[in-house]
């Protein structure tokens, strides 16, 4: 069956994946108080410009999910191009309405295209992990409903752990409780955040220093290796601090040389809420661990 993938821009896919003819991206946007609207992107020059401007803004920009009309247009295009199946992989429903929009729109196309909407329960690098797994299974000719089941499993099992330099934007944007932010400010700790089972960003652990955060990341990788005997991959994400996260990647990979890893940037939609300096690690089980 001719199969396409729709991914919202918060997946920040690699150039390799973006170049594939059956992978389509639908953009979220950032809206500044002066009326400026920018599309989500991970292009280096635009990212630096965005973070520079964000640091000077008195009012936190807002973020918007894709326009519903754009989703209809994209599905019409896929139908016209002869696609029979589409997997829609989206930002966690716990922090965005994009997944619900996909469910609503695709339900109107049931007689035209077989659609499976996947809640990634995360963002960024975990979404890319789901895309890579989906492409692998499509190439292997697996049944579409089984692919959907496996992708939902992968979204539930993958984990993102975040270290945010300033928690203020997450609280203002409603993505984190004020209590968790207070812990970081008053107690001078490094709150380690993560996406929980519901896809919400919550406090995972309270840690005193960056060094201990990265040590904890390595421990979590080891725990995942023991939990998933058929292997895992790890992916690092950063908000305009590539050199810093690269050092962390090298350190953790040196401790776990059997694991593949990658580094990706966090674009404007995520960066609006986390701010510059955020670092994260995703632990993604290999799809072969699915039972």
Protein backbone atom coordinates (compact mmCIF):
# COMPACT_ATOMS: atom_id res chain seq x y z
CA UNK A 1 0.00 0.00 0.00
CA UNK A 2 1.22 3.48 -0.79
CA UNK A 3 1.89 5.01 2.63
CA UNK A 4 2.71 8.52 3.82
CA UNK A 5 3.75 10.01 7.14
CA UNK A 6 2.60 13.36 8.50
CA UNK A 7 4.76 14.80 11.29
CA UNK A 8 4.27 18.13 12.97
CA UNK A 9 7.24 20.47 12.95
CA UNK A 10 8.13 19.80 16.59
CA UNK A 11 9.68 16.54 15.37
CA UNK A 12 12.55 18.70 14.03
CA UNK A 13 13.41 15.94 11.57
CA UNK A 14 16.86 15.51 10.09
CA UNK A 15 17.55 16.64 6.53
CA UNK A 16 17.71 12.96 5.58
CA UNK A 17 14.13 12.33 6.72
CA UNK A 18 12.80 15.64 5.41
CA UNK A 19 14.09 14.75 1.96
CA UNK A 20 11.93 11.62 1.72
CA UNK A 21 9.02 12.03 -0.67
CA UNK A 22 6.51 10.26 1.58
CA UNK A 23 7.28 12.28 4.73
CA UNK A 24 5.26 15.48 5.12
CA UNK A 25 5.66 18.16 7.79
CA UNK A 26 2.91 20.44 9.05
CA UNK A 27 4.08 23.56 10.87
CA UNK A 28 3.29 24.91 14.29
CA UNK A 29 3.96 28.62 14.78
CA UNK A 30 5.29 31.10 17.35
CA UNK A 31 3.43 34.40 17.77
CA UNK A 32 5.21 37.47 19.19
CA UNK A 33 3.36 40.31 20.91
CA UNK A 34 4.06 42.72 18.02
CA UNK A 35 2.15 40.44 15.64
CA UNK A 36 5.18 38.70 14.14
CA UNK A 37 4.46 35.05 13.35
CA UNK A 38 7.25 32.58 12.59
CA UNK A 39 7.03 28.98 11.47
CA UNK A 40 8.73 26.34 13.55
CA UNK A 41 12.16 25.49 12.15
CA UNK A 42 15.52 24.06 13.15
CA UNK A 43 17.56 25.94 10.52
CA UNK A 44 20.69 27.13 12.39
CA UNK A 45 20.65 30.80 11.38
CA UNK A 46 16.96 31.21 12.11
CA UNK A 47 17.33 29.41 15.44
CA UNK A 48 20.04 31.75 16.67
CA UNK A 49 17.96 34.75 15.63
CA UNK A 50 14.93 33.35 17.44
CA UNK A 51 16.75 32.67 20.72
CA UNK A 52 18.41 36.09 20.61
CA UNK A 53 15.02 37.74 20.24
CA UNK A 54 13.37 35.50 22.86
CA UNK A 55 15.93 36.56 25.49
CA UNK A 56 14.98 40.21 24.93
CA UNK A 57 11.19 39.82 24.94
CA UNK A 58 9.28 41.19 27.92
CA UNK A 59 6.19 39.19 27.02
CA UNK A 60 6.40 35.46 26.38
CA UNK A 61 5.37 34.60 22.81
CA UNK A 62 2.53 32.16 22.33
CA UNK A 63 2.64 28.99 20.27
CA UNK A 64 -0.09 27.72 17.98
CA UNK A 65 -0.86 24.29 16.61
CA UNK A 66 -1.17 23.86 12.82
CA UNK A 67 -4.10 25.58 11.17
CA UNK A 68 -6.93 23.11 10.65
CA UNK A 69 -7.30 24.22 7.05
CA UNK A 70 -3.67 23.29 6.35
CA UNK A 71 -4.35 19.78 7.63
CA UNK A 72 -7.33 19.41 5.30
CA UNK A 73 -5.23 20.66 2.39
CA UNK A 74 -2.48 18.16 3.13
CA UNK A 75 -4.87 15.20 3.37
CA UNK A 76 -6.51 16.27 0.10
CA UNK A 77 -3.05 16.32 -1.47
CA UNK A 78 -2.25 12.81 -0.21
CA UNK A 79 -5.52 11.44 -1.53
CA UNK A 80 -4.92 13.11 -4.92
CA UNK A 81 -1.42 11.57 -5.04
CA UNK A 82 -2.82 8.09 -4.53
CA UNK A 83 -1.79 7.41 -0.95
CA UNK A 84 -3.87 4.69 0.67
CA UNK A 85 -2.52 4.90 4.23
CA UNK A 86 -1.12 7.70 6.40
CA UNK A 87 0.47 7.66 9.84
CA UNK A 88 0.16 10.99 11.66
CA UNK A 89 2.84 11.33 14.35
CA UNK A 90 2.36 14.28 16.67
CA UNK A 91 3.57 16.21 19.69
CA UNK A 92 2.33 14.88 23.02
CA UNK A 93 -1.40 15.40 23.54
CA UNK A 94 -0.49 16.22 27.14
CA UNK A 95 0.90 19.62 26.11
CA UNK A 96 -0.65 20.37 22.71
CA UNK A 97 -3.94 20.02 20.86
CA UNK A 98 -2.24 18.99 17.59
CA UNK A 99 -2.92 15.28 18.08
CA UNK A 100 -6.62 15.92 18.75
CA UNK A 101 -6.81 18.07 15.62
CA UNK A 102 -5.33 15.21 13.59
CA UNK A 103 -7.88 12.77 15.00
CA UNK A 104 -10.75 15.13 14.20
CA UNK A 105 -9.65 15.90 10.63
CA UNK A 106 -8.66 12.37 9.61
CA UNK A 107 -11.99 11.02 10.87
CA UNK A 108 -13.62 12.85 7.96
CA UNK A 109 -11.44 10.97 5.44
CA UNK A 110 -12.29 7.41 6.47
CA UNK A 111 -13.70 6.59 3.04
CA UNK A 112 -10.68 8.09 1.23
CA UNK A 113 -7.55 7.10 3.14
CA UNK A 114 -6.70 4.84 6.06
CA UNK A 115 -5.33 7.08 8.79
CA UNK A 116 -3.62 6.22 12.08
CA UNK A 117 -2.96 9.05 14.53
CA UNK A 118 -0.09 8.48 16.96
CA UNK A 119 0.37 10.43 20.18
CA UNK A 120 4.16 10.45 20.61
CA UNK A 121 3.79 11.19 24.36
CA UNK A 122 6.84 13.39 23.83
CA UNK A 123 8.42 15.78 21.33
CA UNK A 124 11.43 16.38 19.16
CA UNK A 125 13.82 13.43 19.10
CA UNK A 126 11.26 10.87 20.28
CA UNK A 127 9.03 11.85 17.39
CA UNK A 128 11.95 11.31 15.01
CA UNK A 129 12.46 7.91 16.63
CA UNK A 130 8.86 7.02 15.85
CA UNK A 131 9.27 8.20 12.26
CA UNK A 132 12.35 6.03 11.76
CA UNK A 133 10.58 3.01 13.26
CA UNK A 134 7.52 3.59 11.05
CA UNK A 135 9.62 3.82 7.89
CA UNK A 136 11.45 0.61 8.79
CA UNK A 137 8.20 -1.29 9.30
CA UNK A 138 6.63 0.12 6.14
CA UNK A 139 9.67 -1.01 4.15
CA UNK A 140 9.33 -4.47 5.68
CA UNK A 141 5.71 -4.64 4.53
CA UNK A 142 4.17 -5.00 7.97
CA UNK A 143 0.40 -4.71 8.40
CA UNK A 144 -0.71 -1.11 8.96
CA UNK A 145 -2.70 -1.80 12.11
CA UNK A 146 0.27 -3.67 13.60
CA UNK A 147 2.54 -0.74 12.74
CA UNK A 148 0.13 1.59 14.54
CA UNK A 149 0.10 -0.66 17.61
CA UNK A 150 3.89 -0.80 17.66
CA UNK A 151 4.20 2.99 17.28
CA UNK A 152 1.78 3.56 20.16
CA UNK A 153 3.85 1.14 22.24
CA UNK A 154 7.05 2.97 21.29
CA UNK A 155 5.54 6.33 22.24
CA UNK A 156 4.55 4.93 25.63
CA UNK A 157 7.94 3.33 26.27
CA UNK A 158 10.24 6.12 25.06
CA UNK A 159 11.37 8.70 27.60
CA UNK A 160 12.65 12.27 27.43
CA UNK A 161 14.53 13.79 30.37
CA UNK A 162 15.05 17.56 30.37
CA UNK A 163 17.25 20.02 32.20
CA UNK A 164 15.89 23.54 31.74
CA UNK A 165 18.06 26.51 32.74
CA UNK A 166 15.11 28.78 33.60
CA UNK A 167 11.72 27.25 34.44
CA UNK A 168 9.82 30.54 34.19
CA UNK A 169 8.64 30.12 30.61
CA UNK A 170 7.38 26.59 31.22
CA UNK A 171 5.22 27.85 34.08
CA UNK A 172 3.96 30.91 32.16
CA UNK A 173 3.03 28.71 29.23
CA UNK A 174 1.17 26.25 31.44
CA UNK A 175 3.52 23.34 30.70
CA UNK A 176 4.86 22.97 34.27
CA UNK A 177 3.46 23.53 37.75
CA UNK A 178 4.63 26.53 39.74
CA UNK A 179 5.55 24.20 42.60
CA UNK A 180 8.15 22.38 40.51
CA UNK A 181 9.62 25.70 39.38
CA UNK A 182 9.77 26.94 42.97
CA UNK A 183 11.91 23.97 43.92
CA UNK A 184 14.50 25.00 41.39
CA UNK A 185 14.58 28.65 42.38
CA UNK A 186 14.40 28.48 46.18
CA UNK A 187 16.40 25.33 46.79
CA UNK A 188 18.96 26.00 44.06
CA UNK A 189 18.59 22.51 42.63
CA UNK A 190 18.53 21.27 39.05
CA UNK A 191 15.02 19.85 38.60
CA UNK A 192 15.21 16.91 36.21
CA UNK A 193 11.97 16.97 34.22
CA UNK A 194 10.45 14.30 32.04
CA UNK A 195 7.39 13.43 29.96
CA UNK A 196 5.30 11.08 32.09
CA UNK A 197 2.93 8.29 30.97
CA UNK A 198 0.28 10.89 30.14
CA UNK A 199 2.69 12.91 28.04
CA UNK A 200 2.83 15.80 30.52
CA UNK A 201 6.04 17.51 31.64
CA UNK A 202 6.52 16.85 35.36
CA UNK A 203 9.30 16.71 37.92
CA UNK A 204 11.27 13.46 37.80
CA UNK A 205 13.96 14.05 40.40
CA UNK A 206 15.66 16.88 42.28
CA UNK A 207 19.41 16.99 41.63
CA UNK A 208 22.01 19.46 42.91
CA UNK A 209 24.44 19.95 40.02
CA UNK A 210 24.70 19.61 36.24
CA UNK A 211 27.37 16.94 36.67
CA UNK A 212 25.00 14.82 38.74
CA UNK A 213 22.22 15.34 36.20
CA UNK A 214 24.40 13.91 33.44
CA UNK A 215 25.48 11.05 35.72
CA UNK A 216 21.81 10.30 36.32
CA UNK A 217 21.19 10.29 32.58
CA UNK A 218 23.87 7.63 32.19
CA UNK A 219 22.26 5.57 34.94
CA UNK A 220 18.88 5.82 33.20
CA UNK A 221 20.49 4.61 29.98
CA UNK A 222 21.90 1.60 31.81
CA UNK A 223 18.50 0.85 33.35
CA UNK A 224 16.91 0.97 29.90
CA UNK A 225 19.55 -1.40 28.48
CA UNK A 226 18.60 -3.90 31.17
CA UNK A 227 14.87 -3.42 30.55
CA UNK A 228 15.05 -3.72 26.74
CA UNK A 229 17.25 -6.71 25.83
CA UNK A 230 16.97 -6.05 22.09
CA UNK A 231 18.57 -2.67 22.44
CA UNK A 232 17.89 1.04 22.63
CA UNK A 233 19.05 4.22 20.95
CA UNK A 234 19.60 7.58 22.60
CA UNK A 235 19.13 11.06 21.19
CA UNK A 236 20.16 14.40 22.62
CA UNK A 237 18.38 17.70 22.10
CA UNK A 238 19.49 21.24 22.89
CA UNK A 239 18.31 24.83 22.74
CA UNK A 240 21.24 26.61 21.07
CA UNK A 241 23.97 24.93 23.17
CA UNK A 242 25.37 22.40 20.71
CA UNK A 243 28.92 22.32 22.07
CA UNK A 244 27.71 21.62 25.60
CA UNK A 245 25.34 18.81 24.67
CA UNK A 246 27.93 17.28 22.34
CA UNK A 247 30.30 16.90 25.28
CA UNK A 248 27.56 15.14 27.27
CA UNK A 249 26.83 12.84 24.34
CA UNK A 250 30.49 11.87 24.02
CA UNK A 251 30.71 11.14 27.73
CA UNK A 252 27.61 8.91 27.82
CA UNK A 253 28.44 7.10 24.57
CA UNK A 254 31.94 6.38 25.95
CA UNK A 255 30.26 4.64 28.88
CA UNK A 256 27.81 2.78 26.59
CA UNK A 257 29.64 2.28 23.26
CA UNK A 258 27.11 -0.26 21.98
CA UNK A 259 24.41 2.41 21.66
CA UNK A 260 23.77 4.62 18.63
CA UNK A 261 23.19 8.30 19.36
CA UNK A 262 22.33 11.57 17.67
CA UNK A 263 22.07 15.27 18.48
CA UNK A 264 19.28 17.60 17.35
CA UNK A 265 18.32 21.21 17.93
CA UNK A 266 15.11 22.37 19.61
CA UNK A 267 13.24 24.84 17.45
CA UNK A 268 11.12 27.90 18.30
CA UNK A 269 7.94 26.15 19.47
CA UNK A 270 9.74 24.08 22.11
CA UNK A 271 12.28 26.84 22.76
CA UNK A 272 9.53 29.33 23.58
CA UNK A 273 8.63 27.25 26.62
CA UNK A 274 12.07 26.01 27.66
CA UNK A 275 14.30 28.95 26.77
CA UNK A 276 17.90 28.92 25.59
CA UNK A 277 20.26 26.47 27.27
CA UNK A 278 17.87 23.55 27.67
CA UNK A 279 19.41 20.11 27.31
CA UNK A 280 17.62 16.79 26.99
CA UNK A 281 18.13 13.10 26.39
CA UNK A 282 15.66 10.67 24.87
CA UNK A 283 15.89 6.93 25.49
CA UNK A 284 14.14 5.05 22.70
CA UNK A 285 13.75 1.25 22.74
CA UNK A 286 14.35 -0.59 19.49
CA UNK A 287 11.02 -1.59 17.96
CA UNK A 288 12.17 -5.23 18.07
CA UNK A 289 11.50 -5.12 21.83
CA UNK A 290 7.76 -5.00 21.10
CA UNK A 291 6.03 -8.17 22.29
